[in-house]
PDB file of N, CA and C in Angstrom:
ATOM      1  N   UNK A   1     211.586  -6.387 234.978  1.00  0.00           N
ATOM      2  CA  UNK A   1     211.844  -7.607 235.725  1.00  0.00           C
ATOM      3  C   UNK A   1     213.345  -7.908 235.669  1.00  0.00           C
ATOM      4  N   UNK A   2     213.959  -8.025 236.804  1.00  0.00           N
ATOM      5  CA  UNK A   2     215.398  -8.248 236.893  1.00  0.00           C
ATOM      6  C   UNK A   2     215.744  -9.724 236.712  1.00  0.00           C
ATOM      7  N   UNK A   3     214.959 -10.590 237.331  1.00  0.00           N
ATOM      8  CA  UNK A   3     215.257 -12.017 237.311  1.00  0.00           C
ATOM      9  C   UNK A   3     214.812 -12.670 236.000  1.00  0.00           C
ATOM     10  N   UNK A   4     215.471 -13.781 235.687  1.00  0.00           N
ATOM     11  CA  UNK A   4     215.022 -14.646 234.605  1.00  0.00           C
ATOM     12  C   UNK A   4     214.344 -15.841 235.252  1.00  0.00           C
ATOM     13  N   UNK A   5     213.307 -16.343 234.620  1.00  0.00           N
ATOM     14  CA  UNK A   5     212.556 -17.473 235.160  1.00  0.00           C
ATOM     15  C   UNK A   5     212.728 -18.667 234.229  1.00  0.00           C
ATOM     16  N   UNK A   6     212.992 -19.823 234.824  1.00  0.00           N
ATOM     17  CA  UNK A   6     213.149 -21.064 234.084  1.00  0.00           C
ATOM     18  C   UNK A   6     212.213 -22.099 234.692  1.00  0.00           C
ATOM     19  N   UNK A   7     211.631 -22.953 233.873  1.00  0.00           N
ATOM     20  CA  UNK A   7     210.718 -23.995 234.345  1.00  0.00           C
ATOM     21  C   UNK A   7     211.286 -25.365 233.981  1.00  0.00           C
ATOM     22  N   UNK A   8     211.137 -26.299 234.913  1.00  0.00           N
ATOM     23  CA  UNK A   8     211.536 -27.681 234.668  1.00  0.00           C
ATOM     24  C   UNK A   8     210.316 -28.462 234.208  1.00  0.00           C
ATOM     25  N   UNK A   9     210.526 -29.401 233.298  1.00  0.00           N
ATOM     26  CA  UNK A   9     209.415 -30.249 232.878  1.00  0.00           C
ATOM     27  C   UNK A   9     208.988 -31.132 234.041  1.00  0.00           C
ATOM     28  N   UNK A  10     207.756 -31.561 234.034  1.00  0.00           N
ATOM     29  CA  UNK A  10     207.202 -32.410 235.086  1.00  0.00           C
ATOM     30  C   UNK A  10     206.742 -33.710 234.435  1.00  0.00           C
ATOM     31  N   UNK A  11     207.686 -34.556 234.054  1.00  0.00           N
ATOM     32  CA  UNK A  11     207.360 -35.778 233.332  1.00  0.00           C
ATOM     33  C   UNK A  11     208.217 -36.922 233.836  1.00  0.00           C
ATOM     34  N   UNK A  12     207.692 -38.134 233.722  1.00  0.00           N
ATOM     35  CA  UNK A  12     208.488 -39.319 234.027  1.00  0.00           C
ATOM     36  C   UNK A  12     209.114 -39.916 232.772  1.00  0.00           C
ATOM     37  N   UNK A  13     208.944 -39.263 231.641  1.00  0.00           N
ATOM     38  CA  UNK A  13     209.576 -39.722 230.397  1.00  0.00           C
ATOM     39  C   UNK A  13     211.050 -39.328 230.407  1.00  0.00           C
ATOM     40  N   UNK A  14     211.863 -40.055 229.635  1.00  0.00           N
ATOM     41  CA  UNK A  14     213.288 -39.725 229.558  1.00  0.00           C
ATOM     42  C   UNK A  14     213.443 -38.276 229.102  1.00  0.00           C
ATOM     43  N   UNK A  15     214.210 -37.514 229.883  1.00  0.00           N
ATOM     44  CA  UNK A  15     214.385 -36.085 229.622  1.00  0.00           C
ATOM     45  C   UNK A  15     215.827 -35.691 229.875  1.00  0.00           C
ATOM     46  N   UNK A  16     216.404 -34.928 228.971  1.00  0.00           N
ATOM     47  CA  UNK A  16     217.670 -34.238 229.211  1.00  0.00           C
ATOM     48  C   UNK A  16     217.404 -32.799 228.789  1.00  0.00           C
ATOM     49  N   UNK A  17     217.093 -31.986 229.772  1.00  0.00           N
ATOM     50  CA  UNK A  17     216.603 -30.636 229.550  1.00  0.00           C
ATOM     51  C   UNK A  17     217.671 -29.620 229.950  1.00  0.00           C
ATOM     52  N   UNK A  18     218.259 -28.962 228.971  1.00  0.00           N
ATOM     53  CA  UNK A  18     219.280 -27.943 229.228  1.00  0.00           C
ATOM     54  C   UNK A  18     218.571 -26.656 229.626  1.00  0.00           C
ATOM     55  N   UNK A  19     218.417 -26.466 230.914  1.00  0.00           N
ATOM     56  CA  UNK A  19     217.624 -25.367 231.449  1.00  0.00           C
ATOM     57  C   UNK A  19     218.378 -24.044 231.322  1.00  0.00           C
ATOM     58  N   UNK A  20     219.634 -24.010 231.774  1.00  0.00           N
ATOM     59  CA  UNK A  20     220.470 -22.817 231.665  1.00  0.00           C
ATOM     60  C   UNK A  20     221.817 -23.243 231.103  1.00  0.00           C
ATOM     61  N   UNK A  21     222.248 -22.584 230.057  1.00  0.00           N
ATOM     62  CA  UNK A  21     223.587 -22.809 229.520  1.00  0.00           C
ATOM     63  C   UNK A  21     224.155 -21.456 229.128  1.00  0.00           C
ATOM     64  N   UNK A  22     224.971 -20.919 230.008  1.00  0.00           N
ATOM     65  CA  UNK A  22     225.614 -19.647 229.703  1.00  0.00           C
ATOM     66  C   UNK A  22     227.089 -19.722 230.080  1.00  0.00           C
ATOM     67  N   UNK A  23     227.774 -18.603 230.076  1.00  0.00           N
ATOM     68  CA  UNK A  23     229.213 -18.599 230.335  1.00  0.00           C
ATOM     69  C   UNK A  23     229.556 -18.918 231.788  1.00  0.00           C
ATOM     70  N   UNK A  24     228.574 -18.903 232.678  1.00  0.00           N
ATOM     71  CA  UNK A  24     228.813 -19.143 234.098  1.00  0.00           C
ATOM     72  C   UNK A  24     228.509 -20.564 234.548  1.00  0.00           C
ATOM     73  N   UNK A  25     227.450 -21.130 234.018  1.00  0.00           N
ATOM     74  CA  UNK A  25     226.942 -22.403 234.534  1.00  0.00           C
ATOM     75  C   UNK A  25     226.172 -23.160 233.457  1.00  0.00           C
ATOM     76  N   UNK A  26     226.229 -24.469 233.533  1.00  0.00           N
ATOM     77  CA  UNK A  26     225.335 -25.329 232.768  1.00  0.00           C
ATOM     78  C   UNK A  26     224.469 -26.051 233.791  1.00  0.00           C
ATOM     79  N   UNK A  27     223.159 -25.888 233.679  1.00  0.00           N
ATOM     80  CA  UNK A  27     222.185 -26.434 234.629  1.00  0.00           C
ATOM     81  C   UNK A  27     221.235 -27.311 233.832  1.00  0.00           C
ATOM     82  N   UNK A  28     221.294 -28.620 234.067  1.00  0.00           N
ATOM     83  CA  UNK A  28     220.531 -29.574 233.273  1.00  0.00           C
ATOM     84  C   UNK A  28     219.638 -30.412 234.173  1.00  0.00           C
ATOM     85  N   UNK A  29     218.405 -30.569 233.757  1.00  0.00           N
ATOM     86  CA  UNK A  29     217.410 -31.401 234.452  1.00  0.00           C
ATOM     87  C   UNK A  29     217.323 -32.719 233.680  1.00  0.00           C
ATOM     88  N   UNK A  30     217.482 -33.843 234.388  1.00  0.00           N
ATOM     89  CA  UNK A  30     217.525 -35.160 233.743  1.00  0.00           C
ATOM     90  C   UNK A  30     216.516 -36.088 234.411  1.00  0.00           C
ATOM     91  N   UNK A  31     215.752 -36.817 233.604  1.00  0.00           N
ATOM     92  CA  UNK A  31     214.900 -37.899 234.083  1.00  0.00           C
ATOM     93  C   UNK A  31     215.239 -39.137 233.268  1.00  0.00           C
ATOM     94  N   UNK A  32     215.528 -40.243 233.959  1.00  0.00           N
ATOM     95  CA  UNK A  32     215.877 -41.500 233.295  1.00  0.00           C
ATOM     96  C   UNK A  32     214.990 -42.617 233.829  1.00  0.00           C
ATOM     97  N   UNK A  33     214.474 -43.436 232.934  1.00  0.00           N
ATOM     98  CA  UNK A  33     213.707 -44.609 233.316  1.00  0.00           C
ATOM     99  C   UNK A  33     214.634 -45.801 233.462  1.00  0.00           C
ATOM    100  N   UNK A  34     214.099 -46.921 233.899  1.00  0.00           N
ATOM    101  CA  UNK A  34     214.912 -48.120 234.130  1.00  0.00           C
ATOM    102  C   UNK A  34     215.746 -48.446 232.893  1.00  0.00           C
ATOM    103  N   UNK A  35     217.033 -48.712 233.123  1.00  0.00           N
ATOM    104  CA  UNK A  35     218.022 -49.084 232.112  1.00  0.00           C
ATOM    105  C   UNK A  35     218.428 -47.946 231.181  1.00  0.00           C
ATOM    106  N   UNK A  36     217.942 -46.712 231.424  1.00  0.00           N
ATOM    107  CA  UNK A  36     218.423 -45.545 230.679  1.00  0.00           C
ATOM    108  C   UNK A  36     219.695 -45.031 231.340  1.00  0.00           C
ATOM    109  N   UNK A  37     220.556 -44.400 230.561  1.00  0.00           N
ATOM    110  CA  UNK A  37     221.771 -43.816 231.101  1.00  0.00           C
ATOM    111  C   UNK A  37     222.472 -42.984 230.053  1.00  0.00           C
ATOM    112  N   UNK A  38     223.726 -42.671 230.319  1.00  0.00           N
ATOM    113  CA  UNK A  38     224.563 -41.910 229.394  1.00  0.00           C
ATOM    114  C   UNK A  38     225.761 -42.747 228.988  1.00  0.00           C
ATOM    115  N   UNK A  39     226.265 -42.569 227.775  1.00  0.00           N
ATOM    116  CA  UNK A  39     227.491 -43.276 227.384  1.00  0.00           C
ATOM    117  C   UNK A  39     228.655 -42.862 228.284  1.00  0.00           C
ATOM    118  N   UNK A  40     229.608 -43.760 228.453  1.00  0.00           N
ATOM    119  CA  UNK A  40     230.799 -43.438 229.235  1.00  0.00           C
ATOM    120  C   UNK A  40     231.456 -42.194 228.644  1.00  0.00           C
ATOM    121  N   UNK A  41     231.862 -41.285 229.532  1.00  0.00           N
ATOM    122  CA  UNK A  41     232.510 -40.054 229.085  1.00  0.00           C
ATOM    123  C   UNK A  41     233.306 -39.465 230.246  1.00  0.00           C
ATOM    124  N   UNK A  42     234.118 -38.460 229.930  1.00  0.00           N
ATOM    125  CA  UNK A  42     234.895 -37.747 230.947  1.00  0.00           C
ATOM    126  C   UNK A  42     234.227 -36.406 231.216  1.00  0.00           C
ATOM    127  N   UNK A  43     234.174 -36.020 232.486  1.00  0.00           N
ATOM    128  CA  UNK A  43     233.568 -34.738 232.832  1.00  0.00           C
ATOM    129  C   UNK A  43     234.393 -33.603 232.225  1.00  0.00           C
ATOM    130  N   UNK A  44     233.700 -32.634 231.630  1.00  0.00           N
ATOM    131  CA  UNK A  44     234.377 -31.504 230.989  1.00  0.00           C
ATOM    132  C   UNK A  44     234.329 -30.246 231.867  1.00  0.00           C
ATOM    133  N   UNK A  45     233.983 -30.446 233.146  1.00  0.00           N
ATOM    134  CA  UNK A  45     233.921 -29.354 234.138  1.00  0.00           C
ATOM    135  C   UNK A  45     233.778 -30.011 235.507  1.00  0.00           C
ATOM    136  N   UNK A  46     233.788 -29.213 236.562  1.00  0.00           N
ATOM    137  CA  UNK A  46     233.367 -29.728 237.863  1.00  0.00           C
ATOM    138  C   UNK A  46     231.872 -29.991 237.752  1.00  0.00           C
ATOM    139  N   UNK A  47     231.434 -31.160 238.211  1.00  0.00           N
ATOM    140  CA  UNK A  47     230.033 -31.556 238.068  1.00  0.00           C
ATOM    141  C   UNK A  47     229.426 -31.749 239.453  1.00  0.00           C
ATOM    142  N   UNK A  48     228.250 -31.172 239.637  1.00  0.00           N
ATOM    143  CA  UNK A  48     227.492 -31.324 240.871  1.00  0.00           C
ATOM    144  C   UNK A  48     226.161 -31.966 240.501  1.00  0.00           C
ATOM    145  N   UNK A  49     225.842 -33.095 241.127  1.00  0.00           N
ATOM    146  CA  UNK A  49     224.591 -33.800 240.838  1.00  0.00           C
ATOM    147  C   UNK A  49     223.738 -33.829 242.094  1.00  0.00           C
ATOM    148  N   UNK A  50     222.479 -33.467 241.942  1.00  0.00           N
ATOM    149  CA  UNK A  50     221.508 -33.555 243.027  1.00  0.00           C
ATOM    150  C   UNK A  50     220.456 -34.568 242.615  1.00  0.00           C
ATOM    151  N   UNK A  51     220.332 -35.657 243.377  1.00  0.00           N
ATOM    152  CA  UNK A  51     219.334 -36.672 243.075  1.00  0.00           C
ATOM    153  C   UNK A  51     218.030 -36.236 243.729  1.00  0.00           C
ATOM    154  N   UNK A  52     217.016 -35.984 242.905  1.00  0.00           N
ATOM    155  CA  UNK A  52     215.722 -35.512 243.390  1.00  0.00           C
ATOM    156  C   UNK A  52     214.765 -36.661 243.665  1.00  0.00           C
ATOM    157  N   UNK A  53     214.864 -37.723 242.840  1.00  0.00           N
ATOM    158  CA  UNK A  53     213.941 -38.846 242.949  1.00  0.00           C
ATOM    159  C   UNK A  53     214.635 -40.092 242.420  1.00  0.00           C
ATOM    160  N   UNK A  54     214.380 -41.230 243.030  1.00  0.00           N
ATOM    161  CA  UNK A  54     214.930 -42.488 242.561  1.00  0.00           C
ATOM    162  C   UNK A  54     216.330 -42.748 243.095  1.00  0.00           C
ATOM    163  N   UNK A  55     217.053 -43.637 242.382  1.00  0.00           N
ATOM    164  CA  UNK A  55     218.398 -44.050 242.786  1.00  0.00           C
ATOM    165  C   UNK A  55     219.334 -43.964 241.585  1.00  0.00           C
ATOM    166  N   UNK A  56     220.420 -43.246 241.748  1.00  0.00           N
ATOM    167  CA  UNK A  56     221.445 -43.107 240.717  1.00  0.00           C
ATOM    168  C   UNK A  56     222.470 -44.214 240.878  1.00  0.00           C
ATOM    169  N   UNK A  57     222.768 -44.925 239.792  1.00  0.00           N
ATOM    170  CA  UNK A  57     223.875 -45.883 239.760  1.00  0.00           C
ATOM    171  C   UNK A  57     225.018 -45.202 239.039  1.00  0.00           C
ATOM    172  N   UNK A  58     226.179 -45.138 239.670  1.00  0.00           N
ATOM    173  CA  UNK A  58     227.287 -44.332 239.163  1.00  0.00           C
ATOM    174  C   UNK A  58     228.605 -45.056 239.355  1.00  0.00           C
ATOM    175  N   UNK A  59     229.399 -45.079 238.297  1.00  0.00           N
ATOM    176  CA  UNK A  59     230.769 -45.599 238.382  1.00  0.00           C
ATOM    177  C   UNK A  59     231.691 -44.473 237.930  1.00  0.00           C
ATOM    178  N   UNK A  60     232.669 -44.145 238.782  1.00  0.00           N
ATOM    179  CA  UNK A  60     233.631 -43.084 238.497  1.00  0.00           C
ATOM    180  C   UNK A  60     235.019 -43.683 238.348  1.00  0.00           C
ATOM    181  N   UNK A  61     235.730 -43.257 237.317  1.00  0.00           N
ATOM    182  CA  UNK A  61     237.062 -43.784 237.003  1.00  0.00           C
ATOM    183  C   UNK A  61     237.024 -45.304 237.057  1.00  0.00           C
ATOM    184  N   UNK A  62     237.888 -45.927 237.842  1.00  0.00           N
ATOM    185  CA  UNK A  62     237.948 -47.390 237.882  1.00  0.00           C
ATOM    186  C   UNK A  62     237.273 -47.968 239.126  1.00  0.00           C
ATOM    187  N   UNK A  63     236.504 -47.149 239.843  1.00  0.00           N
ATOM    188  CA  UNK A  63     235.793 -47.623 241.024  1.00  0.00           C
ATOM    189  C   UNK A  63     234.678 -48.590 240.631  1.00  0.00           C
ATOM    190  N   UNK A  64     234.193 -49.329 241.621  1.00  0.00           N
ATOM    191  CA  UNK A  64     233.003 -50.134 241.417  1.00  0.00           C
ATOM    192  C   UNK A  64     231.787 -49.219 241.384  1.00  0.00           C
ATOM    193  N   UNK A  65     230.661 -49.763 240.913  1.00  0.00           N
ATOM    194  CA  UNK A  65     229.406 -49.036 240.882  1.00  0.00           C
ATOM    195  C   UNK A  65     228.970 -48.673 242.307  1.00  0.00           C
ATOM    196  N   UNK A  66     228.506 -47.427 242.485  1.00  0.00           N
ATOM    197  CA  UNK A  66     227.924 -46.984 243.744  1.00  0.00           C
ATOM    198  C   UNK A  66     226.504 -46.514 243.452  1.00  0.00           C
ATOM    199  N   UNK A  67     225.629 -46.604 244.433  1.00  0.00           N
ATOM    200  CA  UNK A  67     224.256 -46.149 244.271  1.00  0.00           C
ATOM    201  C   UNK A  67     223.972 -45.037 245.267  1.00  0.00           C
ATOM    202  N   UNK A  68     223.249 -44.017 244.788  1.00  0.00           N
ATOM    203  CA  UNK A  68     222.937 -42.842 245.584  1.00  0.00           C
ATOM    204  C   UNK A  68     221.443 -42.567 245.501  1.00  0.00           C
ATOM    205  N   UNK A  69     220.830 -42.335 246.649  1.00  0.00           N
ATOM    206  CA  UNK A  69     219.378 -42.150 246.702  1.00  0.00           C
ATOM    207  C   UNK A  69     219.012 -40.670 246.695  1.00  0.00           C
ATOM    208  N   UNK A  70     217.723 -40.425 246.545  1.00  0.00           N
ATOM    209  CA  UNK A  70     217.182 -39.064 246.541  1.00  0.00           C
ATOM    210  C   UNK A  70     217.639 -38.315 247.790  1.00  0.00           C
ATOM    211  N   UNK A  71     217.948 -37.049 247.609  1.00  0.00           N
ATOM    212  CA  UNK A  71     218.429 -36.214 248.703  1.00  0.00           C
ATOM    213  C   UNK A  71     219.940 -36.140 248.776  1.00  0.00           C
ATOM    214  N   UNK A  72     220.631 -36.850 247.881  1.00  0.00           N
ATOM    215  CA  UNK A  72     222.093 -36.858 247.866  1.00  0.00           C
ATOM    216  C   UNK A  72     222.608 -35.827 246.874  1.00  0.00           C
ATOM    217  N   UNK A  73     223.673 -35.124 247.255  1.00  0.00           N
ATOM    218  CA  UNK A  73     224.362 -34.198 246.357  1.00  0.00           C
ATOM    219  C   UNK A  73     225.788 -34.712 246.187  1.00  0.00           C
ATOM    220  N   UNK A  74     226.234 -34.849 244.946  1.00  0.00           N
ATOM    221  CA  UNK A  74     227.578 -35.337 244.627  1.00  0.00           C
ATOM    222  C   UNK A  74     228.393 -34.236 243.969  1.00  0.00           C
ATOM    223  N   UNK A  75     229.675 -34.202 244.281  1.00  0.00           N
ATOM    224  CA  UNK A  75     230.617 -33.307 243.605  1.00  0.00           C
ATOM    225  C   UNK A  75     231.636 -34.188 242.903  1.00  0.00           C
ATOM    226  N   UNK A  76     231.729 -34.046 241.580  1.00  0.00           N
ATOM    227  CA  UNK A  76     232.607 -34.882 240.760  1.00  0.00           C
ATOM    228  C   UNK A  76     233.637 -33.972 240.088  1.00  0.00           C
ATOM    229  N   UNK A  77     234.929 -34.253 240.274  1.00  0.00           N
ATOM    230  CA  UNK A  77     235.968 -33.378 239.718  1.00  0.00           C
ATOM    231  C   UNK A  77     236.039 -33.407 238.192  1.00  0.00           C
ATOM    232  N   UNK A  78     236.570 -32.334 237.660  1.00  0.00           N
ATOM    233  CA  UNK A  78     236.883 -32.192 236.236  1.00  0.00           C
ATOM    234  C   UNK A  78     237.737 -33.375 235.766  1.00  0.00           C
ATOM    235  N   UNK A  79     237.472 -33.863 234.564  1.00  0.00           N
ATOM    236  CA  UNK A  79     238.217 -34.944 233.899  1.00  0.00           C
ATOM    237  C   UNK A  79     238.073 -36.299 234.597  1.00  0.00           C
ATOM    238  N   UNK A  80     236.945 -36.539 235.241  1.00  0.00           N
ATOM    239  CA  UNK A  80     236.663 -37.836 235.849  1.00  0.00           C
ATOM    240  C   UNK A  80     235.841 -38.675 234.870  1.00  0.00           C
ATOM    241  N   UNK A  81     236.207 -39.962 234.725  1.00  0.00           N
ATOM    242  CA  UNK A  81     235.438 -40.852 233.851  1.00  0.00           C
ATOM    243  C   UNK A  81     234.121 -41.196 234.538  1.00  0.00           C
ATOM    244  N   UNK A  82     233.014 -41.037 233.791  1.00  0.00           N
ATOM    245  CA  UNK A  82     231.675 -41.243 234.342  1.00  0.00           C
ATOM    246  C   UNK A  82     230.913 -42.317 233.577  1.00  0.00           C
ATOM    247  N   UNK A  83     230.252 -43.181 234.314  1.00  0.00           N
ATOM    248  CA  UNK A  83     229.242 -44.095 233.791  1.00  0.00           C
ATOM    249  C   UNK A  83     228.043 -43.937 234.711  1.00  0.00           C
ATOM    250  N   UNK A  84     226.896 -43.504 234.177  1.00  0.00           N
ATOM    251  CA  UNK A  84     225.738 -43.341 235.043  1.00  0.00           C
ATOM    252  C   UNK A  84     224.486 -43.846 234.361  1.00  0.00           C
ATOM    253  N   UNK A  85     223.598 -44.430 235.192  1.00  0.00           N
ATOM    254  CA  UNK A  85     222.363 -44.980 234.659  1.00  0.00           C
ATOM    255  C   UNK A  85     221.383 -45.215 235.794  1.00  0.00           C
ATOM    256  N   UNK A  86     220.166 -45.574 235.404  1.00  0.00           N
ATOM    257  CA  UNK A  86     219.116 -45.947 236.353  1.00  0.00           C
ATOM    258  C   UNK A  86     218.882 -47.443 236.206  1.00  0.00           C
ATOM    259  N   UNK A  87     219.178 -48.208 237.228  1.00  0.00           N
ATOM    260  CA  UNK A  87     218.984 -49.652 237.210  1.00  0.00           C
ATOM    261  C   UNK A  87     217.716 -50.073 237.947  1.00  0.00           C
ATOM    262  N   UNK A  88     216.885 -49.118 238.359  1.00  0.00           N
ATOM    263  CA  UNK A  88     215.733 -49.394 239.214  1.00  0.00           C
ATOM    264  C   UNK A  88     214.425 -49.075 238.499  1.00  0.00           C
ATOM    265  N   UNK A  89     213.332 -49.629 239.024  1.00  0.00           N
ATOM    266  CA  UNK A  89     212.007 -49.431 238.428  1.00  0.00           C
ATOM    267  C   UNK A  89     211.550 -47.979 238.511  1.00  0.00           C
ATOM    268  N   UNK A  90     211.798 -47.333 239.652  1.00  0.00           N
ATOM    269  CA  UNK A  90     211.356 -45.951 239.836  1.00  0.00           C
ATOM    270  C   UNK A  90     212.162 -45.017 238.938  1.00  0.00           C
ATOM    271  N   UNK A  91     211.503 -44.052 238.278  1.00  0.00           N
ATOM    272  CA  UNK A  91     212.252 -43.080 237.485  1.00  0.00           C
ATOM    273  C   UNK A  91     213.293 -42.357 238.347  1.00  0.00           C
ATOM    274  N   UNK A  92     214.417 -42.042 237.735  1.00  0.00           N
ATOM    275  CA  UNK A  92     215.496 -41.284 238.365  1.00  0.00           C
ATOM    276  C   UNK A  92     215.403 -39.849 237.874  1.00  0.00           C
ATOM    277  N   UNK A  93     215.367 -38.904 238.793  1.00  0.00           N
ATOM    278  CA  UNK A  93     215.344 -37.491 238.422  1.00  0.00           C
ATOM    279  C   UNK A  93     216.497 -36.801 239.121  1.00  0.00           C
ATOM    280  N   UNK A  94     217.291 -36.046 238.372  1.00  0.00           N
ATOM    281  CA  UNK A  94     218.413 -35.341 238.969  1.00  0.00           C
ATOM    282  C   UNK A  94     218.681 -34.028 238.259  1.00  0.00           C
ATOM    283  N   UNK A  95     219.394 -33.166 238.970  1.00  0.00           N
ATOM    284  CA  UNK A  95     219.890 -31.911 238.423  1.00  0.00           C
ATOM    285  C   UNK A  95     221.400 -32.063 238.292  1.00  0.00           C
ATOM    286  N   UNK A  96     221.918 -31.707 237.113  1.00  0.00           N
ATOM    287  CA  UNK A  96     223.357 -31.739 236.864  1.00  0.00           C
ATOM    288  C   UNK A  96     223.813 -30.303 236.629  1.00  0.00           C
ATOM    289  N   UNK A  97     224.750 -29.857 237.457  1.00  0.00           N
ATOM    290  CA  UNK A  97     225.287 -28.509 237.341  1.00  0.00           C
ATOM    291  C   UNK A  97     226.765 -28.610 237.000  1.00  0.00           C
ATOM    292  N   UNK A  98     227.178 -27.904 235.963  1.00  0.00           N
ATOM    293  CA  UNK A  98     228.602 -27.810 235.611  1.00  0.00           C
ATOM    294  C   UNK A  98     229.031 -26.375 235.876  1.00  0.00           C
ATOM    295  N   UNK A  99     230.013 -26.228 236.783  1.00  0.00           N
ATOM    296  CA  UNK A  99     230.451 -24.892 237.151  1.00  0.00           C
ATOM    297  C   UNK A  99     231.947 -24.944 237.508  1.00  0.00           C
ATOM    298  N   UNK A 100     232.737 -24.061 236.940  1.00  0.00           N
ATOM    299  CA  UNK A 100     232.320 -23.121 235.913  1.00  0.00           C
ATOM    300  C   UNK A 100     231.905 -23.859 234.642  1.00  0.00           C
ATOM    301  N   UNK A 101     231.152 -23.178 233.815  1.00  0.00           N
ATOM    302  CA  UNK A 101     230.671 -23.784 232.574  1.00  0.00           C
ATOM    303  C   UNK A 101     231.849 -24.250 231.737  1.00  0.00           C
ATOM    304  N   UNK A 102     231.695 -25.406 231.080  1.00  0.00           N
ATOM    305  CA  UNK A 102     232.783 -25.889 230.223  1.00  0.00           C
ATOM    306  C   UNK A 102     233.035 -24.922 229.057  1.00  0.00           C
ATOM    307  N   UNK A 103     234.281 -24.849 228.657  1.00  0.00           N
ATOM    308  CA  UNK A 103     234.663 -24.027 227.514  1.00  0.00           C
ATOM    309  C   UNK A 103     234.763 -24.950 226.303  1.00  0.00           C
ATOM    310  N   UNK A 104     234.056 -24.608 225.252  1.00  0.00           N
ATOM    311  CA  UNK A 104     234.085 -25.424 224.033  1.00  0.00           C
ATOM    312  C   UNK A 104     235.433 -25.287 223.351  1.00  0.00           C
ATOM    313  N   UNK A 105     235.975 -26.418 222.858  1.00  0.00           N
ATOM    314  CA  UNK A 105     237.234 -26.325 222.106  1.00  0.00           C
ATOM    315  C   UNK A 105     236.999 -25.563 220.814  1.00  0.00           C
ATOM    316  N   UNK A 106     237.970 -24.788 220.419  1.00  0.00           N
ATOM    317  CA  UNK A 106     237.795 -23.964 219.205  1.00  0.00           C
ATOM    318  C   UNK A 106     238.378 -24.618 217.999  1.00  0.00           C
TER     319      UNK A 106
END
């Protein structure tokens, strides 16, 4: 078998699932319930987010909060300040891709 197979969890519980993490790409499946989110941080790579379900609330650098619905794909540059969370009743499900994969400091 040439291909590798990966499965995503099928749950509405809070999930941060590192599906693929290699030297080429970091591919993470995330599910957040109302008022769940991530601490403020700076992107350590180019980040691509695909909203699969729900509404993403996102603040980048010093911008105001923006909301993005399912079916939206975002491209966020390296070293951008991120604040993201789910402010809505419906669970938020998204895929976060970092490419090229971040290099860990030595």
